[in-house]
């Protein structure tokens, strides 16, 4: 499966709201709405794992990729992401939980 095909499948299945802040997303699926919990660069094997992808607005997607841990902890979906990371990437989890 290609990444674009997976994104469209997720778009059809899930409500079009940002899981980070609950903002309504546009009617059209845009690539930046699809945020990998564990980044593709860190775990290429999870690139096409549906559970590793959440819908987020551009602000929350950017925050997840480059924001401070203090700000990330305020995201509505932080605990969900933390639990996912705990199960699949302990070193990333340790940084999120204890740093």
PDB file of N, CA and C in Angstrom:
ATOM      1  N   UNK A   1       0.849  -1.179   0.000  1.00  0.00           N
ATOM      2  CA  UNK A   1       0.000   0.000   0.000  1.00  0.00           C
ATOM      3  C   UNK A   1       0.892   1.239   0.000  1.00  0.00           C
ATOM      4  N   UNK A   2       0.506   2.224  -0.747  1.00  0.00           N
ATOM      5  CA  UNK A   2       1.221   3.495  -0.769  1.00  0.00           C
ATOM      6  C   UNK A   2       0.708   4.390   0.350  1.00  0.00           C
ATOM      7  N   UNK A   3       1.552   5.317   0.778  1.00  0.00           N
ATOM      8  CA  UNK A   3       1.190   6.221   1.874  1.00  0.00           C
ATOM      9  C   UNK A   3      -0.067   7.019   1.539  1.00  0.00           C
ATOM     10  N   UNK A   4      -0.162   7.517   0.345  1.00  0.00           N
ATOM     11  CA  UNK A   4      -1.336   8.305  -0.073  1.00  0.00           C
ATOM     12  C   UNK A   4      -2.618   7.467   0.027  1.00  0.00           C
ATOM     13  N   UNK A   5      -2.559   6.226  -0.377  1.00  0.00           N
ATOM     14  CA  UNK A   5      -3.722   5.338  -0.291  1.00  0.00           C
ATOM     15  C   UNK A   5      -4.131   5.121   1.168  1.00  0.00           C
ATOM     16  N   UNK A   6      -3.143   4.939   2.037  1.00  0.00           N
ATOM     17  CA  UNK A   6      -3.428   4.771   3.457  1.00  0.00           C
ATOM     18  C   UNK A   6      -4.061   6.040   4.028  1.00  0.00           C
ATOM     19  N   UNK A   7      -3.528   7.195   3.648  1.00  0.00           N
ATOM     20  CA  UNK A   7      -4.096   8.460   4.118  1.00  0.00           C
ATOM     21  C   UNK A   7      -5.570   8.580   3.717  1.00  0.00           C
ATOM     22  N   UNK A   8      -5.889   8.225   2.497  1.00  0.00           N
ATOM     23  CA  UNK A   8      -7.278   8.330   2.024  1.00  0.00           C
ATOM     24  C   UNK A   8      -8.182   7.342   2.766  1.00  0.00           C
ATOM     25  N   UNK A   9      -7.670   6.173   3.078  1.00  0.00           N
ATOM     26  CA  UNK A   9      -8.439   5.197   3.859  1.00  0.00           C
ATOM     27  C   UNK A   9      -8.727   5.758   5.263  1.00  0.00           C
ATOM     28  N   UNK A  10      -7.724   6.319   5.881  1.00  0.00           N
ATOM     29  CA  UNK A  10      -7.898   6.933   7.207  1.00  0.00           C
ATOM     30  C   UNK A  10      -8.892   8.081   7.120  1.00  0.00           C
ATOM     31  N   UNK A  11      -8.786   8.901   6.088  1.00  0.00           N
ATOM     32  CA  UNK A  11      -9.687  10.047   5.912  1.00  0.00           C
ATOM     33  C   UNK A  11     -11.144   9.599   5.808  1.00  0.00           C
ATOM     34  N   UNK A  12     -11.376   8.487   5.134  1.00  0.00           N
ATOM     35  CA  UNK A  12     -12.749   7.970   5.001  1.00  0.00           C
ATOM     36  C   UNK A  12     -13.273   7.403   6.323  1.00  0.00           C
ATOM     37  N   UNK A  13     -12.391   6.862   7.150  1.00  0.00           N
ATOM     38  CA  UNK A  13     -12.802   6.161   8.368  1.00  0.00           C
ATOM     39  C   UNK A  13     -12.964   7.054   9.601  1.00  0.00           C
ATOM     40  N   UNK A  14     -12.230   8.130   9.662  1.00  0.00           N
ATOM     41  CA  UNK A  14     -12.176   8.922  10.898  1.00  0.00           C
ATOM     42  C   UNK A  14     -12.873  10.276  10.758  1.00  0.00           C
ATOM     43  N   UNK A  15     -13.364  10.797  11.880  1.00  0.00           N
ATOM     44  CA  UNK A  15     -13.951  12.145  11.866  1.00  0.00           C
ATOM     45  C   UNK A  15     -12.876  13.176  11.499  1.00  0.00           C
ATOM     46  N   UNK A  16     -13.280  14.217  10.804  1.00  0.00           N
ATOM     47  CA  UNK A  16     -12.338  15.219  10.312  1.00  0.00           C
ATOM     48  C   UNK A  16     -12.123  16.331  11.336  1.00  0.00           C
ATOM     49  N   UNK A  17     -11.588  15.933  12.477  1.00  0.00           N
ATOM     50  CA  UNK A  17     -11.233  16.851  13.556  1.00  0.00           C
ATOM     51  C   UNK A  17      -9.798  16.584  13.970  1.00  0.00           C
ATOM     52  N   UNK A  18      -9.115  17.641  14.389  1.00  0.00           N
ATOM     53  CA  UNK A  18      -7.757  17.500  14.899  1.00  0.00           C
ATOM     54  C   UNK A  18      -7.810  16.806  16.250  1.00  0.00           C
ATOM     55  N   UNK A  19      -7.051  15.739  16.396  1.00  0.00           N
ATOM     56  CA  UNK A  19      -7.030  15.015  17.668  1.00  0.00           C
ATOM     57  C   UNK A  19      -6.178  15.740  18.710  1.00  0.00           C
ATOM     58  N   UNK A  20      -5.423  16.733  18.276  1.00  0.00           N
ATOM     59  CA  UNK A  20      -4.580  17.492  19.196  1.00  0.00           C
ATOM     60  C   UNK A  20      -5.287  18.662  19.857  1.00  0.00           C
ATOM     61  N   UNK A  21      -6.243  19.283  19.127  1.00  0.00           N
ATOM     62  CA  UNK A  21      -6.920  20.472  19.667  1.00  0.00           C
ATOM     63  C   UNK A  21      -8.427  20.487  19.398  1.00  0.00           C
ATOM     64  N   UNK A  22      -8.918  19.509  18.663  1.00  0.00           N
ATOM     65  CA  UNK A  22     -10.338  19.351  18.334  1.00  0.00           C
ATOM     66  C   UNK A  22     -10.848  20.345  17.282  1.00  0.00           C
ATOM     67  N   UNK A  23      -9.942  21.002  16.584  1.00  0.00           N
ATOM     68  CA  UNK A  23     -10.309  21.926  15.509  1.00  0.00           C
ATOM     69  C   UNK A  23     -10.853  21.128  14.319  1.00  0.00           C
ATOM     70  N   UNK A  24     -11.895  21.652  13.672  1.00  0.00           N
ATOM     71  CA  UNK A  24     -12.453  20.996  12.485  1.00  0.00           C
ATOM     72  C   UNK A  24     -11.475  21.151  11.327  1.00  0.00           C
ATOM     73  N   UNK A  25     -11.236  20.054  10.622  1.00  0.00           N
ATOM     74  CA  UNK A  25     -10.351  20.070   9.467  1.00  0.00           C
ATOM     75  C   UNK A  25     -11.157  20.359   8.207  1.00  0.00           C
ATOM     76  N   UNK A  26     -10.498  20.853   7.172  1.00  0.00           N
ATOM     77  CA  UNK A  26     -11.169  21.134   5.900  1.00  0.00           C
ATOM     78  C   UNK A  26     -11.823  19.872   5.340  1.00  0.00           C
ATOM     79  N   UNK A  27     -12.651  20.058   4.356  1.00  0.00           N
ATOM     80  CA  UNK A  27     -13.335  18.921   3.726  1.00  0.00           C
ATOM     81  C   UNK A  27     -12.383  18.074   2.890  1.00  0.00           C
ATOM     82  N   UNK A  28     -11.315  18.676   2.416  1.00  0.00           N
ATOM     83  CA  UNK A  28     -10.363  17.980   1.559  1.00  0.00           C
ATOM     84  C   UNK A  28      -9.197  17.442   2.382  1.00  0.00           C
ATOM     85  N   UNK A  29      -8.820  16.209   2.133  1.00  0.00           N
ATOM     86  CA  UNK A  29      -7.674  15.613   2.829  1.00  0.00           C
ATOM     87  C   UNK A  29      -6.393  16.269   2.335  1.00  0.00           C
ATOM     88  N   UNK A  30      -5.593  16.735   3.264  1.00  0.00           N
ATOM     89  CA  UNK A  30      -4.300  17.346   2.933  1.00  0.00           C
ATOM     90  C   UNK A  30      -3.221  16.545   3.643  1.00  0.00           C
ATOM     91  N   UNK A  31      -2.078  16.396   2.999  1.00  0.00           N
ATOM     92  CA  UNK A  31      -1.008  15.550   3.537  1.00  0.00           C
ATOM     93  C   UNK A  31      -0.607  15.956   4.949  1.00  0.00           C
ATOM     94  N   UNK A  32      -0.601  17.245   5.248  1.00  0.00           N
ATOM     95  CA  UNK A  32      -0.161  17.669   6.582  1.00  0.00           C
ATOM     96  C   UNK A  32      -1.161  17.330   7.683  1.00  0.00           C
ATOM     97  N   UNK A  33      -2.356  16.871   7.353  1.00  0.00           N
ATOM     98  CA  UNK A  33      -3.322  16.433   8.370  1.00  0.00           C
ATOM     99  C   UNK A  33      -2.934  15.072   8.969  1.00  0.00           C
ATOM    100  N   UNK A  34      -2.066  14.345   8.305  1.00  0.00           N
ATOM    101  CA  UNK A  34      -1.725  12.983   8.712  1.00  0.00           C
ATOM    102  C   UNK A  34      -0.380  13.001   9.440  1.00  0.00           C
ATOM    103  N   UNK A  35      -0.455  12.910  10.747  1.00  0.00           N
ATOM    104  CA  UNK A  35       0.732  13.036  11.593  1.00  0.00           C
ATOM    105  C   UNK A  35       1.133  11.678  12.158  1.00  0.00           C
ATOM    106  N   UNK A  36       2.377  11.318  11.949  1.00  0.00           N
ATOM    107  CA  UNK A  36       2.910  10.063  12.495  1.00  0.00           C
ATOM    108  C   UNK A  36       3.271  10.271  13.962  1.00  0.00           C
ATOM    109  N   UNK A  37       2.762   9.433  14.824  1.00  0.00           N
ATOM    110  CA  UNK A  37       3.069   9.519  16.255  1.00  0.00           C
ATOM    111  C   UNK A  37       4.559   9.271  16.454  1.00  0.00           C
ATOM    112  N   UNK A  38       5.043   8.155  15.967  1.00  0.00           N
ATOM    113  CA  UNK A  38       6.474   7.878  15.943  1.00  0.00           C
ATOM    114  C   UNK A  38       6.939   8.255  14.541  1.00  0.00           C
ATOM    115  N   UNK A  39       7.816   9.247  14.439  1.00  0.00           N
ATOM    116  CA  UNK A  39       8.198   9.780  13.125  1.00  0.00           C
ATOM    117  C   UNK A  39       8.725   8.717  12.162  1.00  0.00           C
ATOM    118  N   UNK A  40       8.428   8.940  10.893  1.00  0.00           N
ATOM    119  CA  UNK A  40       8.883   8.022   9.839  1.00  0.00           C
ATOM    120  C   UNK A  40      10.401   7.892   9.833  1.00  0.00           C
ATOM    121  N   UNK A  41      11.104   8.965  10.101  1.00  0.00           N
ATOM    122  CA  UNK A  41      12.562   8.932  10.116  1.00  0.00           C
ATOM    123  C   UNK A  41      13.126   8.096  11.257  1.00  0.00           C
ATOM    124  N   UNK A  42      12.359   7.962  12.309  1.00  0.00           N
ATOM    125  CA  UNK A  42      12.801   7.186  13.468  1.00  0.00           C
ATOM    126  C   UNK A  42      12.485   5.702  13.299  1.00  0.00           C
ATOM    127  N   UNK A  43      11.305   5.410  12.773  1.00  0.00           N
ATOM    128  CA  UNK A  43      10.845   4.023  12.610  1.00  0.00           C
ATOM    129  C   UNK A  43      10.187   3.869  11.236  1.00  0.00           C
ATOM    130  N   UNK A  44      10.992   3.606  10.243  1.00  0.00           N
ATOM    131  CA  UNK A  44      10.478   3.437   8.882  1.00  0.00           C
ATOM    132  C   UNK A  44       9.462   2.293   8.786  1.00  0.00           C
ATOM    133  N   UNK A  45       9.604   1.314   9.669  1.00  0.00           N
ATOM    134  CA  UNK A  45       8.698   0.164   9.656  1.00  0.00           C
ATOM    135  C   UNK A  45       7.277   0.551  10.073  1.00  0.00           C
ATOM    136  N   UNK A  46       7.096   1.719  10.680  1.00  0.00           N
ATOM    137  CA  UNK A  46       5.772   2.154  11.110  1.00  0.00           C
ATOM    138  C   UNK A  46       5.156   3.194  10.180  1.00  0.00           C
ATOM    139  N   UNK A  47       5.827   3.483   9.085  1.00  0.00           N
ATOM    140  CA  UNK A  47       5.365   4.505   8.135  1.00  0.00           C
ATOM    141  C   UNK A  47       3.944   4.236   7.645  1.00  0.00           C
ATOM    142  N   UNK A  48       3.620   2.988   7.391  1.00  0.00           N
ATOM    143  CA  UNK A  48       2.305   2.626   6.861  1.00  0.00           C
ATOM    144  C   UNK A  48       1.442   1.916   7.895  1.00  0.00           C
ATOM    145  N   UNK A  49       1.741   2.109   9.155  1.00  0.00           N
ATOM    146  CA  UNK A  49       0.963   1.527  10.249  1.00  0.00           C
ATOM    147  C   UNK A  49      -0.151   2.509  10.617  1.00  0.00           C
ATOM    148  N   UNK A  50      -1.370   2.112  10.364  1.00  0.00           N
ATOM    149  CA  UNK A  50      -2.522   2.997  10.569  1.00  0.00           C
ATOM    150  C   UNK A  50      -2.602   3.537  11.997  1.00  0.00           C
ATOM    151  N   UNK A  51      -2.279   2.710  12.971  1.00  0.00           N
ATOM    152  CA  UNK A  51      -2.341   3.145  14.371  1.00  0.00           C
ATOM    153  C   UNK A  51      -1.283   4.192  14.714  1.00  0.00           C
ATOM    154  N   UNK A  52      -0.271   4.333  13.878  1.00  0.00           N
ATOM    155  CA  UNK A  52       0.789   5.307  14.100  1.00  0.00           C
ATOM    156  C   UNK A  52       0.454   6.680  13.504  1.00  0.00           C
ATOM    157  N   UNK A  53      -0.703   6.798  12.911  1.00  0.00           N
ATOM    158  CA  UNK A  53      -1.085   8.043  12.236  1.00  0.00           C
ATOM    159  C   UNK A  53      -2.347   8.608  12.873  1.00  0.00           C
ATOM    160  N   UNK A  54      -2.285   9.889  13.219  1.00  0.00           N
ATOM    161  CA  UNK A  54      -3.446  10.595  13.754  1.00  0.00           C
ATOM    162  C   UNK A  54      -3.743  11.792  12.871  1.00  0.00           C
ATOM    163  N   UNK A  55      -4.999  12.221  12.884  1.00  0.00           N
ATOM    164  CA  UNK A  55      -5.374  13.422  12.148  1.00  0.00           C
ATOM    165  C   UNK A  55      -5.112  14.641  13.023  1.00  0.00           C
ATOM    166  N   UNK A  56      -4.389  15.612  12.473  1.00  0.00           N
ATOM    167  CA  UNK A  56      -4.081  16.842  13.207  1.00  0.00           C
ATOM    168  C   UNK A  56      -4.052  18.032  12.255  1.00  0.00           C
ATOM    169  N   UNK A  57      -4.393  19.191  12.790  1.00  0.00           N
ATOM    170  CA  UNK A  57      -4.258  20.429  12.027  1.00  0.00           C
ATOM    171  C   UNK A  57      -2.765  20.717  11.852  1.00  0.00           C
ATOM    172  N   UNK A  58      -2.432  21.643  10.989  1.00  0.00           N
ATOM    173  CA  UNK A  58      -1.026  21.939  10.718  1.00  0.00           C
ATOM    174  C   UNK A  58      -0.304  22.440  11.973  1.00  0.00           C
ATOM    175  N   UNK A  59      -1.004  23.185  12.817  1.00  0.00           N
ATOM    176  CA  UNK A  59      -0.379  23.702  14.034  1.00  0.00           C
ATOM    177  C   UNK A  59       0.006  22.568  14.987  1.00  0.00           C
ATOM    178  N   UNK A  60      -0.901  21.634  15.192  1.00  0.00           N
ATOM    179  CA  UNK A  60      -0.619  20.510  16.091  1.00  0.00           C
ATOM    180  C   UNK A  60       0.406  19.554  15.491  1.00  0.00           C
ATOM    181  N   UNK A  61       0.336  19.352  14.188  1.00  0.00           N
ATOM    182  CA  UNK A  61       1.316  18.491  13.518  1.00  0.00           C
ATOM    183  C   UNK A  61       2.718  19.074  13.697  1.00  0.00           C
ATOM    184  N   UNK A  62       2.847  20.376  13.480  1.00  0.00           N
ATOM    185  CA  UNK A  62       4.136  21.047  13.642  1.00  0.00           C
ATOM    186  C   UNK A  62       4.589  21.007  15.093  1.00  0.00           C
ATOM    187  N   UNK A  63       3.665  21.238  16.012  1.00  0.00           N
ATOM    188  CA  UNK A  63       3.991  21.184  17.437  1.00  0.00           C
ATOM    189  C   UNK A  63       4.533  19.802  17.800  1.00  0.00           C
ATOM    190  N   UNK A  64       3.890  18.755  17.316  1.00  0.00           N
ATOM    191  CA  UNK A  64       4.331  17.394  17.626  1.00  0.00           C
ATOM    192  C   UNK A  64       5.738  17.143  17.085  1.00  0.00           C
ATOM    193  N   UNK A  65       6.036  17.670  15.916  1.00  0.00           N
ATOM    194  CA  UNK A  65       7.342  17.432  15.304  1.00  0.00           C
ATOM    195  C   UNK A  65       8.454  18.294  15.892  1.00  0.00           C
ATOM    196  N   UNK A  66       8.142  19.532  16.281  1.00  0.00           N
ATOM    197  CA  UNK A  66       9.220  20.465  16.640  1.00  0.00           C
ATOM    198  C   UNK A  66       8.992  21.224  17.943  1.00  0.00           C
ATOM    199  N   UNK A  67       7.853  21.047  18.579  1.00  0.00           N
ATOM    200  CA  UNK A  67       7.539  21.823  19.777  1.00  0.00           C
ATOM    201  C   UNK A  67       8.218  21.304  21.034  1.00  0.00           C
ATOM    202  N   UNK A  68       8.134  22.097  22.062  1.00  0.00           N
ATOM    203  CA  UNK A  68       8.703  21.692  23.353  1.00  0.00           C
ATOM    204  C   UNK A  68       7.844  20.611  23.994  1.00  0.00           C
ATOM    205  N   UNK A  69       8.452  19.825  24.849  1.00  0.00           N
ATOM    206  CA  UNK A  69       7.706  18.768  25.537  1.00  0.00           C
ATOM    207  C   UNK A  69       6.614  19.386  26.406  1.00  0.00           C
ATOM    208  N   UNK A  70       6.880  20.543  26.970  1.00  0.00           N
ATOM    209  CA  UNK A  70       5.880  21.229  27.795  1.00  0.00           C
ATOM    210  C   UNK A  70       4.612  21.518  26.986  1.00  0.00           C
ATOM    211  N   UNK A  71       4.770  21.977  25.757  1.00  0.00           N
ATOM    212  CA  UNK A  71       3.613  22.266  24.904  1.00  0.00           C
ATOM    213  C   UNK A  71       2.953  20.981  24.408  1.00  0.00           C
ATOM    214  N   UNK A  72       3.761  19.980  24.089  1.00  0.00           N
ATOM    215  CA  UNK A  72       3.202  18.705  23.627  1.00  0.00           C
ATOM    216  C   UNK A  72       2.305  18.086  24.697  1.00  0.00           C
ATOM    217  N   UNK A  73       2.694  18.212  25.939  1.00  0.00           N
ATOM    218  CA  UNK A  73       1.907  17.625  27.032  1.00  0.00           C
ATOM    219  C   UNK A  73       0.517  18.248  27.158  1.00  0.00           C
ATOM    220  N   UNK A  74       0.318  19.407  26.576  1.00  0.00           N
ATOM    221  CA  UNK A  74      -0.980  20.095  26.630  1.00  0.00           C
ATOM    222  C   UNK A  74      -1.925  19.668  25.507  1.00  0.00           C
ATOM    223  N   UNK A  75      -1.408  18.903  24.563  1.00  0.00           N
ATOM    224  CA  UNK A  75      -2.240  18.442  23.452  1.00  0.00           C
ATOM    225  C   UNK A  75      -3.293  17.463  23.971  1.00  0.00           C
ATOM    226  N   UNK A  76      -4.487  17.519  23.409  1.00  0.00           N
ATOM    227  CA  UNK A  76      -5.577  16.638  23.835  1.00  0.00           C
ATOM    228  C   UNK A  76      -5.244  15.167  23.637  1.00  0.00           C
ATOM    229  N   UNK A  77      -4.428  14.858  22.654  1.00  0.00           N
ATOM    230  CA  UNK A  77      -4.115  13.462  22.341  1.00  0.00           C
ATOM    231  C   UNK A  77      -2.762  13.012  22.904  1.00  0.00           C
ATOM    232  N   UNK A  78      -2.163  13.798  23.786  1.00  0.00           N
ATOM    233  CA  UNK A  78      -0.834  13.461  24.290  1.00  0.00           C
ATOM    234  C   UNK A  78      -0.815  12.096  24.987  1.00  0.00           C
ATOM    235  N   UNK A  79      -1.759  11.828  25.857  1.00  0.00           N
ATOM    236  CA  UNK A  79      -1.762  10.545  26.583  1.00  0.00           C
ATOM    237  C   UNK A  79      -1.929   9.361  25.632  1.00  0.00           C
ATOM    238  N   UNK A  80      -2.749   9.529  24.615  1.00  0.00           N
ATOM    239  CA  UNK A  80      -2.915   8.479  23.602  1.00  0.00           C
ATOM    240  C   UNK A  80      -1.576   8.212  22.908  1.00  0.00           C
ATOM    241  N   UNK A  81      -0.909   9.275  22.506  1.00  0.00           N
ATOM    242  CA  UNK A  81       0.373   9.140  21.831  1.00  0.00           C
ATOM    243  C   UNK A  81       1.419   8.528  22.757  1.00  0.00           C
ATOM    244  N   UNK A  82       1.431   8.976  23.993  1.00  0.00           N
ATOM    245  CA  UNK A  82       2.385   8.461  24.967  1.00  0.00           C
ATOM    246  C   UNK A  82       2.229   6.955  25.135  1.00  0.00           C
ATOM    247  N   UNK A  83       1.002   6.493  25.253  1.00  0.00           N
ATOM    248  CA  UNK A  83       0.727   5.055  25.409  1.00  0.00           C
ATOM    249  C   UNK A  83       1.200   4.274  24.178  1.00  0.00           C
ATOM    250  N   UNK A  84       0.933   4.819  22.990  1.00  0.00           N
ATOM    251  CA  UNK A  84       1.364   4.162  21.759  1.00  0.00           C
ATOM    252  C   UNK A  84       2.890   4.050  21.719  1.00  0.00           C
ATOM    253  N   UNK A  85       3.560   5.151  22.030  1.00  0.00           N
ATOM    254  CA  UNK A  85       5.023   5.177  22.015  1.00  0.00           C
ATOM    255  C   UNK A  85       5.592   4.215  23.057  1.00  0.00           C
ATOM    256  N   UNK A  86       4.969   4.167  24.225  1.00  0.00           N
ATOM    257  CA  UNK A  86       5.437   3.267  25.281  1.00  0.00           C
ATOM    258  C   UNK A  86       5.506   1.824  24.791  1.00  0.00           C
ATOM    259  N   UNK A  87       4.536   1.421  24.021  1.00  0.00           N
ATOM    260  CA  UNK A  87       4.469   0.042  23.538  1.00  0.00           C
ATOM    261  C   UNK A  87       5.442  -0.274  22.409  1.00  0.00           C
ATOM    262  N   UNK A  88       5.897   0.752  21.674  1.00  0.00           N
ATOM    263  CA  UNK A  88       6.679   0.473  20.467  1.00  0.00           C
ATOM    264  C   UNK A  88       8.082   1.066  20.427  1.00  0.00           C
ATOM    265  N   UNK A  89       8.364   2.050  21.279  1.00  0.00           N
ATOM    266  CA  UNK A  89       9.684   2.697  21.213  1.00  0.00           C
ATOM    267  C   UNK A  89      10.029   3.244  22.596  1.00  0.00           C
ATOM    268  N   UNK A  90      10.621   2.389  23.418  1.00  0.00           N
ATOM    269  CA  UNK A  90      10.832   2.764  24.815  1.00  0.00           C
ATOM    270  C   UNK A  90      11.762   3.953  24.977  1.00  0.00           C
ATOM    271  N   UNK A  91      12.781   4.094  24.156  1.00  0.00           N
ATOM    272  CA  UNK A  91      13.684   5.233  24.322  1.00  0.00           C
ATOM    273  C   UNK A  91      12.970   6.551  24.015  1.00  0.00           C
ATOM    274  N   UNK A  92      12.085   6.557  23.047  1.00  0.00           N
ATOM    275  CA  UNK A  92      11.282   7.747  22.764  1.00  0.00           C
ATOM    276  C   UNK A  92      10.314   8.000  23.917  1.00  0.00           C
ATOM    277  N   UNK A  93       9.721   6.940  24.419  1.00  0.00           N
ATOM    278  CA  UNK A  93       8.798   7.053  25.558  1.00  0.00           C
ATOM    279  C   UNK A  93       9.505   7.648  26.766  1.00  0.00           C
ATOM    280  N   UNK A  94      10.694   7.177  27.060  1.00  0.00           N
ATOM    281  CA  UNK A  94      11.448   7.663  28.214  1.00  0.00           C
ATOM    282  C   UNK A  94      11.666   9.171  28.108  1.00  0.00           C
ATOM    283  N   UNK A  95      12.032   9.642  26.926  1.00  0.00           N
ATOM    284  CA  UNK A  95      12.242  11.082  26.708  1.00  0.00           C
ATOM    285  C   UNK A  95      10.946  11.858  26.910  1.00  0.00           C
ATOM    286  N   UNK A  96       9.843  11.300  26.437  1.00  0.00           N
ATOM    287  CA  UNK A  96       8.556  11.984  26.550  1.00  0.00           C
ATOM    288  C   UNK A  96       8.072  12.020  28.002  1.00  0.00           C
ATOM    289  N   UNK A  97       8.291  10.964  28.705  1.00  0.00           N
ATOM    290  CA  UNK A  97       7.747  10.808  30.048  1.00  0.00           C
ATOM    291  C   UNK A  97       8.604  11.484  31.115  1.00  0.00           C
ATOM    292  N   UNK A  98       9.902  11.390  30.967  1.00  0.00           N
ATOM    293  CA  UNK A  98      10.782  11.796  32.064  1.00  0.00           C
ATOM    294  C   UNK A  98      11.666  13.004  31.779  1.00  0.00           C
ATOM    295  N   UNK A  99      11.614  13.523  30.588  1.00  0.00           N
ATOM    296  CA  UNK A  99      12.462  14.684  30.278  1.00  0.00           C
ATOM    297  C   UNK A  99      11.588  15.910  30.075  1.00  0.00           C
TER     298      UNK A  99
END
